Each structure stands twice: as C-alpha cells, then as structure tokens.
Amino acid sequence: DGGEQVKIADSANPATASYWMTTEALADWIATRGYATS
C-alpha cells in the first residue's frame, strides 16, 4: 500500500480491537480531537 495504511489497536471496543485506516483518515481523526496544533 506504499505506507498509506496504519493498523489501529483500539482497546475501548473489544468487537473491533484492531482495524486498518488510511494515513489521511488518521490525520483527520487526530485533528478533530485537538491532538494536533497548527
């Protein structure tokens, strides 16, 4: 995939303990939660 996917381990939801996400989607997810600064 050229490094454009990351595997997310999410212990908060046992039904989906891990899943794949694009790096673009991850960046959007991080930005909406206030973890990133501009």
Protein backbone atom coordinates (compact mmCIF):
# COMPACT_ATOMS: atom_id res chain seq x y z
CA ASP A 1 0.00 0.00 0.00
CA GLY A 2 3.01 2.31 -0.10
CA GLY A 3 2.80 3.10 3.60
CA GLU A 4 -0.60 4.76 3.28
CA GLN A 5 -2.37 2.48 5.77
CA VAL A 6 -1.95 2.14 9.52
CA LYS A 7 -3.32 -0.51 11.85
CA ILE A 8 -5.17 0.92 14.81
CA ALA A 9 -5.35 -1.05 18.07
CA ASP A 10 -8.42 0.16 19.99
CA SER A 11 -8.88 -1.48 23.38
CA ALA A 12 -12.01 0.61 24.03
CA ASN A 13 -14.11 -1.59 21.74
CA PRO A 14 -13.49 -5.36 22.03
CA ALA A 15 -15.66 -6.00 18.93
CA THR A 16 -13.13 -4.11 16.79
CA ALA A 17 -9.93 -4.50 18.77
CA SER A 18 -7.90 -3.53 15.69
CA TYR A 19 -8.64 -2.15 12.25
CA TRP A 20 -6.92 -0.53 9.27
CA MET A 21 -7.19 3.16 8.37
CA THR A 22 -5.57 5.37 5.75
CA THR A 23 -2.98 7.85 6.97
CA GLU A 24 -5.19 10.64 5.57
CA ALA A 25 -8.17 9.45 7.62
CA LEU A 26 -5.93 9.15 10.69
CA ALA A 27 -4.70 12.73 10.24
CA ASP A 28 -8.30 13.95 10.01
CA TRP A 29 -9.25 11.92 13.08
CA ILE A 30 -6.36 13.36 15.11
CA ALA A 31 -7.13 16.92 14.03
CA THR A 32 -10.78 16.69 15.09
CA ARG A 33 -9.78 15.64 18.61
CA GLY A 34 -7.41 18.50 19.32
CA TYR A 35 -4.23 16.40 19.37
CA ALA A 36 -2.62 18.38 16.55
CA THR A 37 -1.70 22.06 16.57
CA SER A 38 -1.20 24.29 13.59
